């Protein structure tokens, strides 16, 4: 006797009037597969209204367009869910029940006591069921591979961006270091220039003082000469040689 790990579905919310028979018939009538077992999980919403979460274990999955669509939508959905319309206007939110269950781990596929024809029928059902589940697993694996590839691409992009940022930071640090060095040099030059300016001010101050002293001496000498001229003129008014001295003063001292 052969066995195969089967997949189970989880209905997030089924109303209390939706019995086990109702759920089994919903999946059978929509040609999803043959339900083996239904497990109800009692729940309440925020307002206290009761409903059920439902684990649906399949004995066989059918392979058809609707099953393929459901598996594709669950695989592509960010939260792994999709809507299963069990009639034209009503649906359940379903997803693959990921928790391992003993009821799913051992499922009889082919009973050796059956006739060859019956075995062939069971084998065909088994192949269809396995094909449906393999299709979902392949889609799910493709989704995981795409996520991994996307993460690797993003990681590579982030790595390149980080390298570029580091290079720009190193370049900025180098420019800042050169600028800092230039500023230090300019400050040193400015300090030297200030010292030179201070020296120039000292020299100018000394020169101004020297000029002032010389101007004072000149003024003093001019005053002495003027005093001598006044004195000589007063003396010469009564001196017989007045004319000669006047001529001398006019010529040499005027």
C-alpha atoms as a PDB file:
ATOM      1  CA  UNK A   1       0.000   0.000   0.000  1.00  0.00           C
ATOM      2  CA  UNK A   2       1.459   3.398  -1.045  1.00  0.00           C
ATOM      3  CA  UNK A   3       1.100   6.731   0.754  1.00  0.00           C
ATOM      4  CA  UNK A   4       1.532  10.440  -0.003  1.00  0.00           C
ATOM      5  CA  UNK A   5       1.685  13.637   2.064  1.00  0.00           C
ATOM      6  CA  UNK A   6      -1.501  15.521   1.268  1.00  0.00           C
ATOM      7  CA  UNK A   7      -2.292  19.250   1.553  1.00  0.00           C
ATOM      8  CA  UNK A   8      -5.075  20.731   3.659  1.00  0.00           C
ATOM      9  CA  UNK A   9      -6.992  23.990   3.265  1.00  0.00           C
ATOM     10  CA  UNK A  10      -7.952  26.443   5.989  1.00  0.00           C
ATOM     11  CA  UNK A  11     -11.192  28.445   5.768  1.00  0.00           C
ATOM     12  CA  UNK A  12     -10.684  31.618   7.772  1.00  0.00           C
ATOM     13  CA  UNK A  13     -14.375  32.150   8.464  1.00  0.00           C
ATOM     14  CA  UNK A  14     -17.334  29.847   7.973  1.00  0.00           C
ATOM     15  CA  UNK A  15     -20.717  30.688   9.444  1.00  0.00           C
ATOM     16  CA  UNK A  16     -22.153  28.435  12.130  1.00  0.00           C
ATOM     17  CA  UNK A  17     -24.917  27.138   9.855  1.00  0.00           C
ATOM     18  CA  UNK A  18     -22.294  25.904   7.367  1.00  0.00           C
ATOM     19  CA  UNK A  19     -21.966  22.325   8.580  1.00  0.00           C
ATOM     20  CA  UNK A  20     -19.452  19.638   7.680  1.00  0.00           C
ATOM     21  CA  UNK A  21     -21.816  18.293   5.022  1.00  0.00           C
ATOM     22  CA  UNK A  22     -22.265  21.814   3.599  1.00  0.00           C
ATOM     23  CA  UNK A  23     -18.490  22.276   3.303  1.00  0.00           C
ATOM     24  CA  UNK A  24     -17.857  18.795   1.844  1.00  0.00           C
ATOM     25  CA  UNK A  25     -20.564  19.357  -0.768  1.00  0.00           C
ATOM     26  CA  UNK A  26     -19.221  22.844  -1.609  1.00  0.00           C
ATOM     27  CA  UNK A  27     -15.829  21.454  -2.572  1.00  0.00           C
ATOM     28  CA  UNK A  28     -17.347  18.413  -4.326  1.00  0.00           C
ATOM     29  CA  UNK A  29     -19.875  20.441  -6.351  1.00  0.00           C
ATOM     30  CA  UNK A  30     -17.148  22.841  -7.528  1.00  0.00           C
ATOM     31  CA  UNK A  31     -14.960  19.887  -8.549  1.00  0.00           C
ATOM     32  CA  UNK A  32     -12.132  20.854  -6.178  1.00  0.00           C
ATOM     33  CA  UNK A  33     -11.608  17.413  -4.732  1.00  0.00           C
ATOM     34  CA  UNK A  34     -12.790  14.717  -2.345  1.00  0.00           C
ATOM     35  CA  UNK A  35     -12.796  15.911   1.274  1.00  0.00           C
ATOM     36  CA  UNK A  36     -11.654  13.365   3.827  1.00  0.00           C
ATOM     37  CA  UNK A  37     -12.112  15.266   7.084  1.00  0.00           C
ATOM     38  CA  UNK A  38     -13.354  18.640   8.374  1.00  0.00           C
ATOM     39  CA  UNK A  39     -12.207  20.183  11.671  1.00  0.00           C
ATOM     40  CA  UNK A  40     -13.979  23.204  13.158  1.00  0.00           C
ATOM     41  CA  UNK A  41     -12.247  25.838  15.316  1.00  0.00           C
ATOM     42  CA  UNK A  42     -14.670  27.970  17.346  1.00  0.00           C
ATOM     43  CA  UNK A  43     -14.082  31.747  17.097  1.00  0.00           C
ATOM     44  CA  UNK A  44     -15.714  35.102  17.972  1.00  0.00           C
ATOM     45  CA  UNK A  45     -15.395  38.446  16.211  1.00  0.00           C
ATOM     46  CA  UNK A  46     -14.995  41.843  17.904  1.00  0.00           C
ATOM     47  CA  UNK A  47     -18.737  42.143  18.485  1.00  0.00           C
ATOM     48  CA  UNK A  48     -18.980  38.668  20.017  1.00  0.00           C
ATOM     49  CA  UNK A  49     -20.595  36.990  17.013  1.00  0.00           C
ATOM     50  CA  UNK A  50     -19.604  33.322  16.732  1.00  0.00           C
ATOM     51  CA  UNK A  51     -18.172  31.689  13.627  1.00  0.00           C
ATOM     52  CA  UNK A  52     -15.765  28.858  12.736  1.00  0.00           C
ATOM     53  CA  UNK A  53     -12.312  28.531  11.333  1.00  0.00           C
ATOM     54  CA  UNK A  54     -12.235  25.279   9.354  1.00  0.00           C
ATOM     55  CA  UNK A  55      -9.409  22.882   8.485  1.00  0.00           C
ATOM     56  CA  UNK A  56     -10.351  20.878   5.381  1.00  0.00           C
ATOM     57  CA  UNK A  57      -8.308  17.723   4.733  1.00  0.00           C
ATOM     58  CA  UNK A  58      -8.562  16.254   1.222  1.00  0.00           C
ATOM     59  CA  UNK A  59      -8.350  12.639   0.257  1.00  0.00           C
ATOM     60  CA  UNK A  60      -7.995  13.593  -3.400  1.00  0.00           C
ATOM     61  CA  UNK A  61      -7.426  16.846  -5.279  1.00  0.00           C
ATOM     62  CA  UNK A  62      -8.778  17.277  -8.796  1.00  0.00           C
ATOM     63  CA  UNK A  63      -6.665  18.887 -11.476  1.00  0.00           C
ATOM     64  CA  UNK A  64      -8.661  21.481 -13.417  1.00  0.00           C
ATOM     65  CA  UNK A  65      -8.668  25.172 -14.242  1.00  0.00           C
ATOM     66  CA  UNK A  66     -10.393  26.246 -11.017  1.00  0.00           C
ATOM     67  CA  UNK A  67      -8.004  24.285  -8.770  1.00  0.00           C
ATOM     68  CA  UNK A  68      -5.040  25.616 -10.732  1.00  0.00           C
ATOM     69  CA  UNK A  69      -6.378  29.185 -10.389  1.00  0.00           C
ATOM     70  CA  UNK A  70      -6.917  28.804  -6.631  1.00  0.00           C
ATOM     71  CA  UNK A  71      -3.402  27.446  -6.130  1.00  0.00           C
ATOM     72  CA  UNK A  72      -1.896  30.191  -8.331  1.00  0.00           C
ATOM     73  CA  UNK A  73      -3.759  32.932  -6.434  1.00  0.00           C
ATOM     74  CA  UNK A  74      -2.745  31.550  -3.021  1.00  0.00           C
ATOM     75  CA  UNK A  75       0.853  31.275  -4.173  1.00  0.00           C
ATOM     76  CA  UNK A  76       0.907  34.818  -5.587  1.00  0.00           C
ATOM     77  CA  UNK A  77      -0.959  36.461  -2.692  1.00  0.00           C
ATOM     78  CA  UNK A  78       1.250  38.300  -0.133  1.00  0.00           C
ATOM     79  CA  UNK A  79      -0.597  36.614   2.756  1.00  0.00           C
ATOM     80  CA  UNK A  80      -1.174  33.296   0.930  1.00  0.00           C
ATOM     81  CA  UNK A  81      -4.965  33.685   0.750  1.00  0.00           C
ATOM     82  CA  UNK A  82      -7.578  33.804  -2.005  1.00  0.00           C
ATOM     83  CA  UNK A  83     -11.363  33.776  -2.355  1.00  0.00           C
ATOM     84  CA  UNK A  84     -13.123  30.493  -3.083  1.00  0.00           C
ATOM     85  CA  UNK A  85     -16.638  31.175  -4.410  1.00  0.00           C
ATOM     86  CA  UNK A  86     -18.670  28.127  -3.405  1.00  0.00           C
ATOM     87  CA  UNK A  87     -21.662  29.684  -5.194  1.00  0.00           C
ATOM     88  CA  UNK A  88     -22.237  32.720  -7.423  1.00  0.00           C
ATOM     89  CA  UNK A  89     -22.354  35.310  -4.615  1.00  0.00           C
ATOM     90  CA  UNK A  90     -20.758  33.714  -1.535  1.00  0.00           C
ATOM     91  CA  UNK A  91     -17.137  32.877  -0.857  1.00  0.00           C
ATOM     92  CA  UNK A  92     -14.678  31.783   1.804  1.00  0.00           C
ATOM     93  CA  UNK A  93     -11.212  33.235   2.372  1.00  0.00           C
ATOM     94  CA  UNK A  94      -8.925  30.197   2.132  1.00  0.00           C
ATOM     95  CA  UNK A  95      -5.228  29.391   2.341  1.00  0.00           C
ATOM     96  CA  UNK A  96      -3.034  26.319   2.539  1.00  0.00           C
ATOM     97  CA  UNK A  97      -3.003  24.995   6.103  1.00  0.00           C
ATOM     98  CA  UNK A  98       0.729  24.908   6.815  1.00  0.00           C
ATOM     99  CA  UNK A  99       0.657  23.200  10.209  1.00  0.00           C
ATOM    100  CA  UNK A 100       1.586  19.518   9.916  1.00  0.00           C
ATOM    101  CA  UNK A 101      -1.231  17.158  10.796  1.00  0.00           C
ATOM    102  CA  UNK A 102      -1.183  13.405  11.273  1.00  0.00           C
ATOM    103  CA  UNK A 103      -4.304  13.105   9.134  1.00  0.00           C
ATOM    104  CA  UNK A 104      -2.391  14.537   6.175  1.00  0.00           C
ATOM    105  CA  UNK A 105       0.809  12.586   6.571  1.00  0.00           C
ATOM    106  CA  UNK A 106      -0.545   9.136   5.704  1.00  0.00           C
ATOM    107  CA  UNK A 107      -3.124   8.993   2.956  1.00  0.00           C
ATOM    108  CA  UNK A 108      -3.832   5.663   1.279  1.00  0.00           C
ATOM    109  CA  UNK A 109      -3.451   5.943  -2.469  1.00  0.00           C
ATOM    110  CA  UNK A 110      -3.760   2.463  -3.937  1.00  0.00           C
ATOM    111  CA  UNK A 111      -5.458  -0.469  -2.226  1.00  0.00           C
ATOM    112  CA  UNK A 112      -3.808  -3.714  -3.421  1.00  0.00           C
ATOM    113  CA  UNK A 113      -7.047  -5.620  -2.808  1.00  0.00           C
ATOM    114  CA  UNK A 114      -8.771  -3.789  -5.663  1.00  0.00           C
ATOM    115  CA  UNK A 115      -9.087  -5.111  -9.194  1.00  0.00           C
ATOM    116  CA  UNK A 116      -6.657  -3.885 -11.820  1.00  0.00           C
ATOM    117  CA  UNK A 117      -9.293  -1.607 -13.322  1.00  0.00           C
ATOM    118  CA  UNK A 118     -10.094  -0.097  -9.937  1.00  0.00           C
ATOM    119  CA  UNK A 119      -6.376   0.276  -9.230  1.00  0.00           C
ATOM    120  CA  UNK A 120      -5.966   2.156 -12.511  1.00  0.00           C
ATOM    121  CA  UNK A 121      -8.833   4.475 -11.567  1.00  0.00           C
ATOM    122  CA  UNK A 122      -7.254   5.136  -8.164  1.00  0.00           C
ATOM    123  CA  UNK A 123      -3.835   5.671  -9.755  1.00  0.00           C
ATOM    124  CA  UNK A 124      -5.343   8.197 -12.163  1.00  0.00           C
ATOM    125  CA  UNK A 125      -6.996  10.004  -9.260  1.00  0.00           C
ATOM    126  CA  UNK A 126      -3.706   9.875  -7.380  1.00  0.00           C
ATOM    127  CA  UNK A 127      -1.812  11.368 -10.327  1.00  0.00           C
ATOM    128  CA  UNK A 128      -4.380  14.159 -10.695  1.00  0.00           C
ATOM    129  CA  UNK A 129      -4.233  14.896  -6.960  1.00  0.00           C
ATOM    130  CA  UNK A 130      -0.439  14.873  -6.906  1.00  0.00           C
ATOM    131  CA  UNK A 131      -0.299  17.016 -10.058  1.00  0.00           C
ATOM    132  CA  UNK A 132      -2.505  19.671  -8.484  1.00  0.00           C
ATOM    133  CA  UNK A 133      -0.402  19.802  -5.334  1.00  0.00           C
ATOM    134  CA  UNK A 134       2.892  19.684  -7.241  1.00  0.00           C
ATOM    135  CA  UNK A 135       1.646  22.604  -9.364  1.00  0.00           C
ATOM    136  CA  UNK A 136       1.001  24.637  -6.199  1.00  0.00           C
ATOM    137  CA  UNK A 137       4.392  23.678  -4.730  1.00  0.00           C
ATOM    138  CA  UNK A 138       6.123  24.667  -7.963  1.00  0.00           C
ATOM    139  CA  UNK A 139       4.356  28.041  -8.016  1.00  0.00           C
ATOM    140  CA  UNK A 140       5.121  28.521  -4.343  1.00  0.00           C
ATOM    141  CA  UNK A 141       8.773  27.632  -4.937  1.00  0.00           C
ATOM    142  CA  UNK A 142       8.925  30.020  -7.911  1.00  0.00           C
ATOM    143  CA  UNK A 143       7.559  32.751  -5.663  1.00  0.00           C
ATOM    144  CA  UNK A 144      10.204  31.968  -3.036  1.00  0.00           C
ATOM    145  CA  UNK A 145      12.935  31.881  -5.702  1.00  0.00           C
ATOM    146  CA  UNK A 146      11.761  35.239  -7.068  1.00  0.00           C
ATOM    147  CA  UNK A 147      11.784  36.694  -3.561  1.00  0.00           C
ATOM    148  CA  UNK A 148      15.286  35.368  -2.978  1.00  0.00           C
ATOM    149  CA  UNK A 149      16.458  36.710  -6.351  1.00  0.00           C
ATOM    150  CA  UNK A 150      14.812  40.061  -5.593  1.00  0.00           C
ATOM    151  CA  UNK A 151      16.449  40.176  -2.159  1.00  0.00           C
ATOM    152  CA  UNK A 152      19.823  39.269  -3.669  1.00  0.00           C
ATOM    153  CA  UNK A 153      19.375  41.975  -6.310  1.00  0.00           C
ATOM    154  CA  UNK A 154      18.400  44.502  -3.653  1.00  0.00           C
ATOM    155  CA  UNK A 155      21.316  43.400  -1.504  1.00  0.00           C
ATOM    156  CA  UNK A 156      23.682  43.802  -4.457  1.00  0.00           C
ATOM    157  CA  UNK A 157      22.167  47.200  -5.242  1.00  0.00           C
ATOM    158  CA  UNK A 158      22.463  48.272  -1.606  1.00  0.00           C
ATOM    159  CA  UNK A 159      26.047  47.018  -1.551  1.00  0.00           C
ATOM    160  CA  UNK A 160      26.901  49.044  -4.660  1.00  0.00           C
ATOM    161  CA  UNK A 161      25.104  52.095  -3.258  1.00  0.00           C
ATOM    162  CA  UNK A 162      26.960  51.706   0.035  1.00  0.00           C
ATOM    163  CA  UNK A 163      30.272  51.407  -1.821  1.00  0.00           C
ATOM    164  CA  UNK A 164      29.448  54.562  -3.788  1.00  0.00           C
ATOM    165  CA  UNK A 165      28.444  56.382  -0.602  1.00  0.00           C
ATOM    166  CA  UNK A 166      31.637  55.256   1.144  1.00  0.00           C
ATOM    167  CA  UNK A 167      33.702  56.409  -1.835  1.00  0.00           C
ATOM    168  CA  UNK A 168      31.922  59.782  -1.796  1.00  0.00           C
ATOM    169  CA  UNK A 169      32.436  60.065   1.955  1.00  0.00           C
ATOM    170  CA  UNK A 170      36.123  59.230   1.627  1.00  0.00           C
ATOM    171  CA  UNK A 171      36.438  61.786  -1.161  1.00  0.00           C
ATOM    172  CA  UNK A 172      34.575  64.361   0.951  1.00  0.00           C
ATOM    173  CA  UNK A 173      36.803  63.581   3.945  1.00  0.00           C
ATOM    174  CA  UNK A 174      39.891  63.983   1.751  1.00  0.00           C
ATOM    175  CA  UNK A 175      38.612  67.316   0.401  1.00  0.00           C
ATOM    176  CA  UNK A 176      37.750  68.444   3.928  1.00  0.00           C
ATOM    177  CA  UNK A 177      41.224  67.452   5.122  1.00  0.00           C
ATOM    178  CA  UNK A 178      42.843  69.430   2.302  1.00  0.00           C
ATOM    179  CA  UNK A 179      40.561  72.381   3.013  1.00  0.00           C
ATOM    180  CA  UNK A 180      41.391  72.172   6.710  1.00  0.00           C
ATOM    181  CA  UNK A 181      45.113  72.172   5.871  1.00  0.00           C
ATOM    182  CA  UNK A 182      44.665  75.177   3.581  1.00  0.00           C
ATOM    183  CA  UNK A 183      42.738  76.993   6.293  1.00  0.00           C
ATOM    184  CA  UNK A 184      45.492  76.276   8.796  1.00  0.00           C
ATOM    185  CA  UNK A 185      48.048  77.614   6.328  1.00  0.00           C
ATOM    186  CA  UNK A 186      45.963  80.730   5.721  1.00  0.00           C
ATOM    187  CA  UNK A 187      45.591  81.252   9.464  1.00  0.00           C
ATOM    188  CA  UNK A 188      49.369  80.920   9.862  1.00  0.00           C
ATOM    189  CA  UNK A 189      49.949  83.372   7.032  1.00  0.00           C
ATOM    190  CA  UNK A 190      47.397  85.729   8.503  1.00  0.00           C
ATOM    191  CA  UNK A 191      49.114  85.535  11.879  1.00  0.00           C
ATOM    192  CA  UNK A 192      52.438  86.308  10.196  1.00  0.00           C
ATOM    193  CA  UNK A 193      50.845  89.159   8.258  1.00  0.00           C
ATOM    194  CA  UNK A 194      49.375  90.544  11.470  1.00  0.00           C
ATOM    195  CA  UNK A 195      52.805  90.445  13.070  1.00  0.00           C
ATOM    196  CA  UNK A 196      54.297  92.203  10.051  1.00  0.00           C
ATOM    197  CA  UNK A 197      51.527  94.799  10.181  1.00  0.00           C
ATOM    198  CA  UNK A 198      52.206  95.316  13.874  1.00  0.00           C
ATOM    199  CA  UNK A 199      55.888  95.817  13.065  1.00  0.00           C
ATOM    200  CA  UNK A 200      54.996  98.285  10.320  1.00  0.00           C
ATOM    201  CA  UNK A 201      52.805 100.213  12.744  1.00  0.00           C
ATOM    202  CA  UNK A 202      55.683 100.308  15.213  1.00  0.00           C
ATOM    203  CA  UNK A 203      58.045 101.567  12.516  1.00  0.00           C
ATOM    204  CA  UNK A 204      55.523 104.159  11.363  1.00  0.00           C
ATOM    205  CA  UNK A 205      55.010 105.259  14.950  1.00  0.00           C
ATOM    206  CA  UNK A 206      58.774 105.573  15.443  1.00  0.00           C
ATOM    207  CA  UNK A 207      59.091 107.537  12.192  1.00  0.00           C
ATOM    208  CA  UNK A 208      56.224 109.819  13.170  1.00  0.00           C
ATOM    209  CA  UNK A 209      57.875 110.409  16.546  1.00  0.00           C
ATOM    210  CA  UNK A 210      61.207 111.074  14.855  1.00  0.00           C
ATOM    211  CA  UNK A 211      59.557 113.526  12.420  1.00  0.00           C
ATOM    212  CA  UNK A 212      57.784 115.187  15.319  1.00  0.00           C
ATOM    213  CA  UNK A 213      61.081 115.527  17.209  1.00  0.00           C
ATOM    214  CA  UNK A 214      62.821 116.956  14.160  1.00  0.00           C
ATOM    215  CA  UNK A 215      59.957 119.379  13.546  1.00  0.00           C
ATOM    216  CA  UNK A 216      60.280 120.505  17.168  1.00  0.00           C
ATOM    217  CA  UNK A 217      64.019 121.051  16.707  1.00  0.00           C
ATOM    218  CA  UNK A 218      63.413 122.966  13.487  1.00  0.00           C
ATOM    219  CA  UNK A 219      60.784 125.097  15.190  1.00  0.00           C
ATOM    220  CA  UNK A 220      63.153 125.723  18.057  1.00  0.00           C
ATOM    221  CA  UNK A 221      65.983 126.707  15.714  1.00  0.00           C
ATOM    222  CA  UNK A 222      63.697 128.944  13.682  1.00  0.00           C
ATOM    223  CA  UNK A 223      62.610 130.647  16.889  1.00  0.00           C
ATOM    224  CA  UNK A 224      66.276 131.097  17.923  1.00  0.00           C
ATOM    225  CA  UNK A 225      67.120 132.630  14.583  1.00  0.00           C
ATOM    226  CA  UNK A 226      64.143 134.937  14.822  1.00  0.00           C
ATOM    227  CA  UNK A 227      65.176 135.943  18.318  1.00  0.00           C
ATOM    228  CA  UNK A 228      68.704 136.653  17.120  1.00  0.00           C
ATOM    229  CA  UNK A 229      67.391 138.729  14.218  1.00  0.00           C
ATOM    230  CA  UNK A 230      65.196 140.739  16.566  1.00  0.00           C
ATOM    231  CA  UNK A 231      68.099 141.276  18.970  1.00  0.00           C
ATOM    232  CA  UNK A 232      70.494 142.291  16.209  1.00  0.00           C
ATOM    233  CA  UNK A 233      67.991 144.683  14.686  1.00  0.00           C
ATOM    234  CA  UNK A 234      67.546 146.344  18.068  1.00  0.00           C
ATOM    235  CA  UNK A 235      71.286 146.746  18.486  1.00  0.00           C
ATOM    236  CA  UNK A 236      71.896 147.999  14.970  1.00  0.00           C
ATOM    237  CA  UNK A 237      69.539 150.940  15.377  1.00  0.00           C
ATOM    238  CA  UNK A 238      72.355 152.763  17.269  1.00  0.00           C
ATOM    239  CA  UNK A 239      75.382 151.087  15.749  1.00  0.00           C
ATOM    240  CA  UNK A 240      77.447 152.934  13.096  1.00  0.00           C
ATOM    241  CA  UNK A 241      77.895 149.811  11.119  1.00  0.00           C
ATOM    242  CA  UNK A 242      74.101 149.283  10.898  1.00  0.00           C
ATOM    243  CA  UNK A 243      74.040 149.499   7.170  1.00  0.00           C
ATOM    244  CA  UNK A 244      76.647 146.813   6.693  1.00  0.00           C
ATOM    245  CA  UNK A 245      74.943 144.469   9.177  1.00  0.00           C
ATOM    246  CA  UNK A 246      71.555 145.055   7.622  1.00  0.00           C
ATOM    247  CA  UNK A 247      72.956 144.164   4.309  1.00  0.00           C
ATOM    248  CA  UNK A 248      74.485 141.043   5.822  1.00  0.00           C
ATOM    249  CA  UNK A 249      71.189 140.007   7.457  1.00  0.00           C
ATOM    250  CA  UNK A 250      69.229 140.574   4.324  1.00  0.00           C
ATOM    251  CA  UNK A 251      71.648 138.604   2.321  1.00  0.00           C
ATOM    252  CA  UNK A 252      72.413 135.725   4.645  1.00  0.00           C
ATOM    253  CA  UNK A 253      69.603 135.557   7.178  1.00  0.00           C
ATOM    254  CA  UNK A 254      66.459 136.717   5.372  1.00  0.00           C
END
